[in-house]
Amino acid sequence: MAEIKKPQTETKNEVLVRIMGQDLLGSKKIYPALTKIKGVSWMISKIVCKNLGLDRDMKVLELDKERIKKIEEALKNLDSIPDYLKNRRNDFYTGESKHLISTDLDMKREFDIKRLKQIKSYKGWRHSLKLPVRGQRTRSHFRKTGVAVGVRKPKTGKKG
């Protein structure tokens, strides 16, 4: 899974390192670079660096394949972190607390939204109508659907 590759644009001489399916810039430090992976917060990045004994100021490019594999394993097995740091507490189906990363996180979110739509909850209706779910105002925002709210001006074009 761990591979090092050059970006497609030749304007930058930048090396990319692939960790957990995410391309990380080689010039960045490992601590902020890990936060670019979906589901990894600053605290999770700090915990991984501390547990593996990595210097947080080390560049991503300086990592060898063995350390990259250790980072991936540490991100897959985040059972030792406290529950309040996990992003999936008290799962609806299992009741467990988990920490999901990248595509797993996307899939669970998608399944949750489908379940809300299926049981026809208020949040499910709002999702299906593509409206805000958490109580935001809709008069002046969320106009992406093309429906305008307000007074329409009459057409005042003169025929010539």
N, C-alpha and C. Protein backbone atom coordinates (compact mmCIF):
# COMPACT_ATOMS: atom_id res chain seq x y z
N MET A 1 0.80 -1.19 0.00
CA MET A 1 0.00 0.00 0.00
C MET A 1 0.85 1.26 0.00
N ALA A 2 1.98 1.23 0.63
CA ALA A 2 2.81 2.41 0.75
C ALA A 2 3.64 2.56 -0.51
N GLU A 3 3.46 3.68 -1.19
CA GLU A 3 4.24 3.92 -2.38
C GLU A 3 4.58 5.40 -2.45
N ILE A 4 5.69 5.67 -3.09
CA ILE A 4 6.14 7.04 -3.25
C ILE A 4 6.08 7.35 -4.74
N LYS A 5 5.44 8.47 -5.10
CA LYS A 5 5.33 8.80 -6.51
C LYS A 5 5.43 10.30 -6.71
N LYS A 6 5.76 10.67 -7.94
CA LYS A 6 5.86 12.08 -8.31
C LYS A 6 4.48 12.56 -8.76
N PRO A 7 4.14 13.82 -8.51
CA PRO A 7 2.85 14.33 -8.98
C PRO A 7 2.84 14.47 -10.50
N GLN A 8 1.65 14.61 -11.06
CA GLN A 8 1.51 14.69 -12.51
C GLN A 8 1.99 16.02 -13.06
N THR A 9 1.86 17.10 -12.31
CA THR A 9 2.31 18.39 -12.79
C THR A 9 3.81 18.51 -12.56
N GLU A 10 4.52 18.93 -13.58
CA GLU A 10 5.97 19.03 -13.48
C GLU A 10 6.43 20.40 -13.01
N THR A 11 5.49 21.33 -12.78
CA THR A 11 5.89 22.66 -12.33
C THR A 11 6.46 22.61 -10.92
N LYS A 12 5.95 21.71 -10.10
CA LYS A 12 6.48 21.55 -8.75
C LYS A 12 7.31 20.28 -8.72
N ASN A 13 8.46 20.36 -8.14
CA ASN A 13 9.26 19.16 -7.93
C ASN A 13 8.95 18.64 -6.54
N GLU A 14 7.75 18.14 -6.40
CA GLU A 14 7.24 17.70 -5.10
C GLU A 14 7.05 16.20 -5.13
N VAL A 15 7.41 15.55 -4.05
CA VAL A 15 7.24 14.12 -3.92
C VAL A 15 6.01 13.85 -3.07
N LEU A 16 5.18 12.92 -3.49
CA LEU A 16 3.99 12.53 -2.75
C LEU A 16 4.21 11.17 -2.12
N VAL A 17 3.75 11.03 -0.89
CA VAL A 17 3.81 9.75 -0.19
C VAL A 17 2.38 9.32 0.08
N ARG A 18 2.05 8.09 -0.26
CA ARG A 18 0.67 7.60 -0.13
C ARG A 18 0.53 6.83 1.18
N ILE A 19 -0.32 7.35 2.05
CA ILE A 19 -0.62 6.70 3.34
C ILE A 19 -2.12 6.60 3.46
N MET A 20 -2.64 5.40 3.67
CA MET A 20 -4.07 5.13 3.83
C MET A 20 -4.88 5.66 2.64
N GLY A 21 -4.33 5.54 1.44
CA GLY A 21 -5.05 5.95 0.25
C GLY A 21 -5.08 7.45 0.02
N GLN A 22 -4.29 8.20 0.74
CA GLN A 22 -4.25 9.66 0.61
C GLN A 22 -2.83 10.08 0.25
N ASP A 23 -2.69 10.93 -0.74
CA ASP A 23 -1.37 11.45 -1.13
C ASP A 23 -1.00 12.59 -0.21
N LEU A 24 0.13 12.45 0.47
CA LEU A 24 0.62 13.49 1.38
C LEU A 24 1.87 14.10 0.79
N LEU A 25 1.99 15.42 0.88
CA LEU A 25 3.16 16.11 0.36
C LEU A 25 4.40 15.73 1.18
N GLY A 26 5.49 15.43 0.48
CA GLY A 26 6.72 15.01 1.15
C GLY A 26 7.39 16.12 1.90
N SER A 27 7.14 17.37 1.52
CA SER A 27 7.79 18.50 2.18
C SER A 27 7.13 18.88 3.49
N LYS A 28 5.93 18.36 3.77
CA LYS A 28 5.23 18.71 5.02
C LYS A 28 5.76 17.88 6.19
N LYS A 29 5.57 18.42 7.37
CA LYS A 29 5.92 17.68 8.58
C LYS A 29 4.88 16.60 8.82
N ILE A 30 5.27 15.54 9.48
CA ILE A 30 4.40 14.37 9.63
C ILE A 30 3.16 14.70 10.47
N TYR A 31 3.30 15.55 11.47
CA TYR A 31 2.18 15.87 12.36
C TYR A 31 1.02 16.54 11.63
N PRO A 32 1.24 17.64 10.87
CA PRO A 32 0.11 18.21 10.13
C PRO A 32 -0.28 17.41 8.89
N ALA A 33 0.65 16.67 8.33
CA ALA A 33 0.35 15.91 7.12
C ALA A 33 -0.65 14.80 7.38
N LEU A 34 -0.58 14.17 8.54
CA LEU A 34 -1.51 13.08 8.85
C LEU A 34 -2.94 13.58 8.96
N THR A 35 -3.12 14.86 9.28
CA THR A 35 -4.47 15.39 9.41
C THR A 35 -5.16 15.54 8.06
N LYS A 36 -4.43 15.41 6.96
CA LYS A 36 -5.03 15.46 5.62
C LYS A 36 -5.79 14.18 5.31
N ILE A 37 -5.55 13.12 6.08
CA ILE A 37 -6.28 11.86 5.91
C ILE A 37 -7.65 12.03 6.55
N LYS A 38 -8.70 11.67 5.84
CA LYS A 38 -10.06 11.87 6.34
C LYS A 38 -10.28 11.00 7.58
N GLY A 39 -10.71 11.63 8.67
CA GLY A 39 -10.95 10.92 9.92
C GLY A 39 -9.82 11.04 10.91
N VAL A 40 -8.72 11.68 10.53
CA VAL A 40 -7.58 11.85 11.44
C VAL A 40 -7.53 13.31 11.86
N SER A 41 -7.77 13.53 13.15
CA SER A 41 -7.73 14.89 13.68
C SER A 41 -6.32 15.20 14.18
N TRP A 42 -6.15 16.41 14.69
CA TRP A 42 -4.84 16.79 15.22
C TRP A 42 -4.48 15.92 16.42
N MET A 43 -5.46 15.61 17.25
CA MET A 43 -5.18 14.80 18.44
C MET A 43 -4.82 13.36 18.05
N ILE A 44 -5.52 12.81 17.08
CA ILE A 44 -5.22 11.44 16.63
C ILE A 44 -3.82 11.41 16.02
N SER A 45 -3.48 12.44 15.25
CA SER A 45 -2.14 12.53 14.66
C SER A 45 -1.08 12.59 15.75
N LYS A 46 -1.35 13.35 16.79
CA LYS A 46 -0.40 13.47 17.89
C LYS A 46 -0.23 12.13 18.61
N ILE A 47 -1.34 11.42 18.82
CA ILE A 47 -1.29 10.11 19.49
C ILE A 47 -0.50 9.11 18.67
N VAL A 48 -0.72 9.09 17.35
CA VAL A 48 0.00 8.14 16.48
C VAL A 48 1.49 8.45 16.51
N CYS A 49 1.85 9.71 16.40
CA CYS A 49 3.27 10.08 16.44
C CYS A 49 3.91 9.70 17.77
N LYS A 50 3.19 9.91 18.85
CA LYS A 50 3.73 9.60 20.17
C LYS A 50 3.87 8.09 20.38
N ASN A 51 2.84 7.31 19.97
CA ASN A 51 2.88 5.87 20.16
C ASN A 51 3.97 5.20 19.33
N LEU A 52 4.26 5.74 18.15
CA LEU A 52 5.28 5.14 17.28
C LEU A 52 6.66 5.74 17.51
N GLY A 53 6.75 6.74 18.37
CA GLY A 53 8.04 7.36 18.66
C GLY A 53 8.56 8.20 17.51
N LEU A 54 7.67 8.76 16.72
CA LEU A 54 8.08 9.61 15.60
C LEU A 54 8.22 11.05 16.06
N ASP A 55 9.24 11.72 15.54
CA ASP A 55 9.39 13.14 15.80
C ASP A 55 8.35 13.89 14.98
N ARG A 56 7.57 14.75 15.62
CA ARG A 56 6.48 15.44 14.92
C ARG A 56 7.00 16.42 13.90
N ASP A 57 8.26 16.84 14.01
CA ASP A 57 8.84 17.78 13.05
C ASP A 57 9.51 17.08 11.88
N MET A 58 9.49 15.76 11.85
CA MET A 58 10.08 15.00 10.76
C MET A 58 9.24 15.20 9.49
N LYS A 59 9.90 15.29 8.35
CA LYS A 59 9.20 15.46 7.09
C LYS A 59 8.65 14.10 6.63
N VAL A 60 7.58 14.14 5.87
CA VAL A 60 6.95 12.92 5.37
C VAL A 60 7.90 12.18 4.44
N LEU A 61 8.71 12.91 3.70
CA LEU A 61 9.65 12.33 2.76
C LEU A 61 10.70 11.48 3.46
N GLU A 62 11.00 11.78 4.72
CA GLU A 62 12.03 11.06 5.47
C GLU A 62 11.55 9.70 5.97
N LEU A 63 10.27 9.40 5.84
CA LEU A 63 9.74 8.13 6.30
C LEU A 63 10.13 7.01 5.35
N ASP A 64 10.58 5.90 5.90
CA ASP A 64 10.84 4.74 5.04
C ASP A 64 9.58 3.87 4.99
N LYS A 65 9.61 2.84 4.15
CA LYS A 65 8.42 2.01 3.94
C LYS A 65 7.98 1.30 5.21
N GLU A 66 8.93 0.92 6.04
CA GLU A 66 8.60 0.24 7.30
C GLU A 66 7.81 1.16 8.23
N ARG A 67 8.24 2.41 8.34
CA ARG A 67 7.53 3.36 9.20
C ARG A 67 6.15 3.70 8.64
N ILE A 68 6.05 3.77 7.31
CA ILE A 68 4.75 4.04 6.68
C ILE A 68 3.78 2.91 6.99
N LYS A 69 4.27 1.67 6.93
CA LYS A 69 3.41 0.52 7.27
C LYS A 69 2.99 0.57 8.73
N LYS A 70 3.91 0.98 9.61
CA LYS A 70 3.57 1.09 11.03
C LYS A 70 2.52 2.17 11.27
N ILE A 71 2.63 3.28 10.54
CA ILE A 71 1.64 4.35 10.66
C ILE A 71 0.27 3.86 10.20
N GLU A 72 0.24 3.13 9.08
CA GLU A 72 -1.03 2.60 8.57
C GLU A 72 -1.65 1.62 9.56
N GLU A 73 -0.84 0.76 10.15
CA GLU A 73 -1.35 -0.19 11.14
C GLU A 73 -1.87 0.54 12.38
N ALA A 74 -1.14 1.58 12.80
CA ALA A 74 -1.58 2.34 13.98
C ALA A 74 -2.90 3.05 13.70
N LEU A 75 -3.09 3.54 12.47
CA LEU A 75 -4.34 4.22 12.13
C LEU A 75 -5.49 3.24 11.99
N LYS A 76 -5.20 2.00 11.61
CA LYS A 76 -6.26 0.98 11.51
C LYS A 76 -6.67 0.47 12.89
N ASN A 77 -5.74 0.45 13.84
CA ASN A 77 -6.01 -0.09 15.17
C ASN A 77 -5.96 1.03 16.21
N LEU A 78 -7.00 1.83 16.26
CA LEU A 78 -7.06 2.93 17.23
C LEU A 78 -7.98 2.56 18.39
N ASP A 79 -7.87 1.35 18.89
CA ASP A 79 -8.72 0.91 19.99
C ASP A 79 -8.25 1.45 21.33
N SER A 80 -6.98 1.84 21.41
CA SER A 80 -6.43 2.27 22.69
C SER A 80 -6.76 3.72 23.03
N ILE A 81 -7.30 4.48 22.09
CA ILE A 81 -7.60 5.88 22.39
C ILE A 81 -8.90 5.97 23.19
N PRO A 82 -9.07 7.02 23.96
CA PRO A 82 -10.30 7.16 24.75
C PRO A 82 -11.53 7.31 23.86
N ASP A 83 -12.68 6.94 24.38
CA ASP A 83 -13.92 6.97 23.60
C ASP A 83 -14.30 8.38 23.15
N TYR A 84 -13.97 9.40 23.95
CA TYR A 84 -14.38 10.74 23.57
C TYR A 84 -13.61 11.27 22.36
N LEU A 85 -12.53 10.60 21.94
CA LEU A 85 -11.81 11.01 20.75
C LEU A 85 -12.26 10.25 19.50
N LYS A 86 -13.06 9.22 19.68
CA LYS A 86 -13.49 8.41 18.54
C LYS A 86 -14.62 9.10 17.79
N ASN A 87 -14.67 8.89 16.49
CA ASN A 87 -15.67 9.57 15.68
C ASN A 87 -16.93 8.74 15.48
N ARG A 88 -17.00 7.56 16.00
CA ARG A 88 -18.19 6.69 15.86
C ARG A 88 -18.49 6.08 17.22
N ARG A 89 -19.05 6.88 18.12
CA ARG A 89 -19.35 6.39 19.47
C ARG A 89 -20.75 5.77 19.48
N ASN A 90 -20.87 4.67 20.19
CA ASN A 90 -22.16 3.97 20.34
C ASN A 90 -22.83 3.75 18.99
N ASP A 91 -22.19 2.96 18.17
CA ASP A 91 -22.69 2.65 16.84
C ASP A 91 -24.13 2.15 16.91
N PHE A 92 -24.97 2.55 15.96
CA PHE A 92 -26.39 2.21 16.00
C PHE A 92 -26.62 0.70 15.96
N TYR A 93 -25.84 0.00 15.17
CA TYR A 93 -26.06 -1.44 14.98
C TYR A 93 -25.35 -2.29 16.03
N THR A 94 -24.13 -1.93 16.40
CA THR A 94 -23.35 -2.77 17.32
C THR A 94 -23.27 -2.21 18.73
N GLY A 95 -23.41 -0.90 18.88
CA GLY A 95 -23.28 -0.29 20.19
C GLY A 95 -21.84 -0.04 20.59
N GLU A 96 -20.88 -0.39 19.75
CA GLU A 96 -19.46 -0.21 20.06
C GLU A 96 -19.03 1.22 19.71
N SER A 97 -17.91 1.60 20.26
CA SER A 97 -17.28 2.85 19.89
C SER A 97 -16.09 2.53 19.00
N LYS A 98 -16.05 3.12 17.81
CA LYS A 98 -14.99 2.88 16.85
C LYS A 98 -14.45 4.20 16.35
N HIS A 99 -13.29 4.12 15.72
CA HIS A 99 -12.75 5.28 15.02
C HIS A 99 -12.54 4.87 13.58
N LEU A 100 -13.30 5.48 12.68
CA LEU A 100 -13.26 5.12 11.27
C LEU A 100 -12.43 6.14 10.49
N ILE A 101 -11.80 5.65 9.42
CA ILE A 101 -10.91 6.49 8.63
C ILE A 101 -11.22 6.29 7.16
N SER A 102 -11.11 7.34 6.40
CA SER A 102 -11.22 7.44 4.94
C SER A 102 -12.51 6.84 4.40
N THR A 103 -12.45 5.82 3.57
CA THR A 103 -13.65 5.32 2.90
C THR A 103 -14.63 4.67 3.87
N ASP A 104 -14.14 4.08 4.94
CA ASP A 104 -15.04 3.50 5.94
C ASP A 104 -15.94 4.57 6.54
N LEU A 105 -15.37 5.72 6.80
CA LEU A 105 -16.12 6.84 7.36
C LEU A 105 -17.19 7.32 6.38
N ASP A 106 -16.82 7.42 5.10
CA ASP A 106 -17.78 7.84 4.07
C ASP A 106 -18.92 6.84 3.95
N MET A 107 -18.59 5.55 3.95
CA MET A 107 -19.62 4.52 3.79
C MET A 107 -20.60 4.53 4.97
N LYS A 108 -20.09 4.62 6.19
CA LYS A 108 -20.97 4.64 7.37
C LYS A 108 -21.89 5.85 7.34
N ARG A 109 -21.35 7.00 6.94
CA ARG A 109 -22.16 8.22 6.86
C ARG A 109 -23.27 8.05 5.83
N GLU A 110 -22.91 7.47 4.69
CA GLU A 110 -23.90 7.23 3.64
C GLU A 110 -25.01 6.29 4.12
N PHE A 111 -24.62 5.21 4.81
CA PHE A 111 -25.59 4.25 5.32
C PHE A 111 -26.49 4.88 6.38
N ASP A 112 -25.93 5.76 7.21
CA ASP A 112 -26.74 6.45 8.22
C ASP A 112 -27.79 7.34 7.57
N ILE A 113 -27.40 8.06 6.53
CA ILE A 113 -28.34 8.93 5.84
C ILE A 113 -29.43 8.10 5.15
N LYS A 114 -29.04 6.97 4.55
CA LYS A 114 -30.04 6.09 3.91
C LYS A 114 -31.03 5.55 4.94
N ARG A 115 -30.52 5.21 6.14
CA ARG A 115 -31.40 4.70 7.20
C ARG A 115 -32.38 5.77 7.64
N LEU A 116 -31.90 7.02 7.78
CA LEU A 116 -32.78 8.12 8.18
C LEU A 116 -33.86 8.36 7.13
N LYS A 117 -33.50 8.26 5.85
CA LYS A 117 -34.49 8.41 4.79
C LYS A 117 -35.49 7.28 4.80
N GLN A 118 -35.00 6.07 5.06
CA GLN A 118 -35.87 4.89 5.03
C GLN A 118 -36.90 4.91 6.15
N ILE A 119 -36.50 5.35 7.34
CA ILE A 119 -37.46 5.39 8.44
C ILE A 119 -38.29 6.67 8.42
N LYS A 120 -38.01 7.53 7.43
CA LYS A 120 -38.76 8.76 7.22
C LYS A 120 -38.73 9.70 8.43
N SER A 121 -37.56 9.83 9.00
CA SER A 121 -37.41 10.77 10.10
C SER A 121 -37.32 12.19 9.53
N TYR A 122 -37.40 13.18 10.41
CA TYR A 122 -37.34 14.57 9.98
C TYR A 122 -36.01 14.84 9.27
N LYS A 123 -34.92 14.35 9.87
CA LYS A 123 -33.60 14.55 9.25
C LYS A 123 -33.53 13.86 7.90
N GLY A 124 -34.16 12.70 7.79
CA GLY A 124 -34.18 11.99 6.53
C GLY A 124 -34.91 12.77 5.45
N TRP A 125 -36.06 13.36 5.81
CA TRP A 125 -36.79 14.19 4.86
C TRP A 125 -35.94 15.37 4.41
N ARG A 126 -35.30 16.03 5.35
CA ARG A 126 -34.47 17.19 5.01
C ARG A 126 -33.33 16.79 4.06
N HIS A 127 -32.72 15.62 4.32
CA HIS A 127 -31.67 15.14 3.43
C HIS A 127 -32.21 14.88 2.03
N SER A 128 -33.38 14.24 1.94
CA SER A 128 -33.92 13.90 0.63
C SER A 128 -34.34 15.14 -0.16
N LEU A 129 -34.74 16.20 0.53
CA LEU A 129 -35.11 17.44 -0.14
C LEU A 129 -33.91 18.36 -0.39
N LYS A 130 -32.73 17.91 0.02
CA LYS A 130 -31.49 18.68 -0.10
C LYS A 130 -31.58 20.03 0.60
N LEU A 131 -32.18 20.01 1.78
CA LEU A 131 -32.28 21.19 2.62
C LEU A 131 -31.39 21.01 3.84
N PRO A 132 -31.08 22.09 4.56
CA PRO A 132 -30.24 21.95 5.75
C PRO A 132 -30.93 21.12 6.82
N VAL A 133 -30.14 20.31 7.51
CA VAL A 133 -30.69 19.35 8.45
C VAL A 133 -30.66 19.87 9.89
N ARG A 134 -29.72 20.72 10.20
CA ARG A 134 -29.48 21.09 11.59
C ARG A 134 -30.03 22.45 11.98
N GLY A 135 -31.13 22.88 11.37
CA GLY A 135 -31.82 24.06 11.84
C GLY A 135 -31.34 25.38 11.29
N GLN A 136 -30.53 25.38 10.24
CA GLN A 136 -30.09 26.64 9.67
C GLN A 136 -31.24 27.32 8.95
N ARG A 137 -31.14 28.62 8.77
CA ARG A 137 -32.20 29.34 8.07
C ARG A 137 -32.09 29.09 6.57
N THR A 138 -33.22 29.14 5.89
CA THR A 138 -33.22 28.83 4.46
C THR A 138 -33.67 30.01 3.61
N ARG A 139 -34.00 31.12 4.22
CA ARG A 139 -34.49 32.23 3.42
C ARG A 139 -33.40 32.82 2.53
N SER A 140 -32.21 32.96 3.09
CA SER A 140 -31.16 33.62 2.33
C SER A 140 -29.99 32.70 1.98
N HIS A 141 -30.08 31.45 2.36
CA HIS A 141 -28.99 30.51 2.06
C HIS A 141 -29.55 29.26 1.41
N PHE A 142 -28.67 28.38 1.00
CA PHE A 142 -29.02 27.08 0.43
C PHE A 142 -29.83 27.25 -0.86
N ARG A 143 -29.33 28.13 -1.73
CA ARG A 143 -30.02 28.41 -2.98
C ARG A 143 -29.46 27.62 -4.14
N LYS A 144 -28.67 26.58 -3.87
CA LYS A 144 -28.04 25.81 -4.93
C LYS A 144 -29.06 25.09 -5.80
N THR A 145 -30.24 24.83 -5.27
CA THR A 145 -31.22 24.08 -6.03
C THR A 145 -31.94 24.94 -7.06
N GLY A 146 -31.70 26.25 -7.08
CA GLY A 146 -32.29 27.12 -8.08
C GLY A 146 -33.63 27.70 -7.68
N VAL A 147 -34.11 27.42 -6.49
CA VAL A 147 -35.40 27.95 -6.05
C VAL A 147 -35.14 29.26 -5.31
N ALA A 148 -35.62 30.35 -5.85
CA ALA A 148 -35.41 31.65 -5.23
C ALA A 148 -36.60 31.99 -4.34
N VAL A 149 -36.32 32.60 -3.21
CA VAL A 149 -37.36 33.01 -2.28
C VAL A 149 -37.39 34.53 -2.28
N GLY A 150 -38.56 35.11 -2.36
CA GLY A 150 -38.65 36.56 -2.31
C GLY A 150 -39.59 37.09 -3.36
N VAL A 151 -39.51 38.38 -3.62
CA VAL A 151 -40.41 39.06 -4.55
C VAL A 151 -39.78 39.04 -5.94
N ARG A 152 -40.60 38.72 -6.93
CA ARG A 152 -40.11 38.72 -8.31
C ARG A 152 -40.41 40.08 -8.94
N LYS A 153 -39.47 40.57 -9.69
CA LYS A 153 -39.67 41.85 -10.38
C LYS A 153 -40.45 41.59 -11.66
N PRO A 154 -41.40 42.47 -11.98
CA PRO A 154 -42.13 42.31 -13.25
C PRO A 154 -41.24 42.67 -14.41
N LYS A 155 -41.49 42.03 -15.55
CA LYS A 155 -40.71 42.33 -16.73
C LYS A 155 -41.19 43.67 -17.30
N THR A 156 -40.28 44.57 -17.52
CA THR A 156 -40.64 45.92 -18.03
C THR A 156 -39.96 46.18 -19.36
N GLY A 157 -39.89 45.19 -20.18
CA GLY A 157 -39.27 45.38 -21.48
C GLY A 157 -40.26 45.96 -22.47
N LYS A 158 -39.84 46.95 -23.26
CA LYS A 158 -40.71 47.56 -24.27
C LYS A 158 -40.43 46.92 -25.62
N LYS A 159 -41.49 46.65 -26.33
CA LYS A 159 -41.33 46.08 -27.67
C LYS A 159 -41.12 47.23 -28.65
N GLY A 160 -40.19 47.07 -29.55
CA GLY A 160 -39.86 48.16 -30.41
C GLY A 160 -40.18 47.99 -31.79
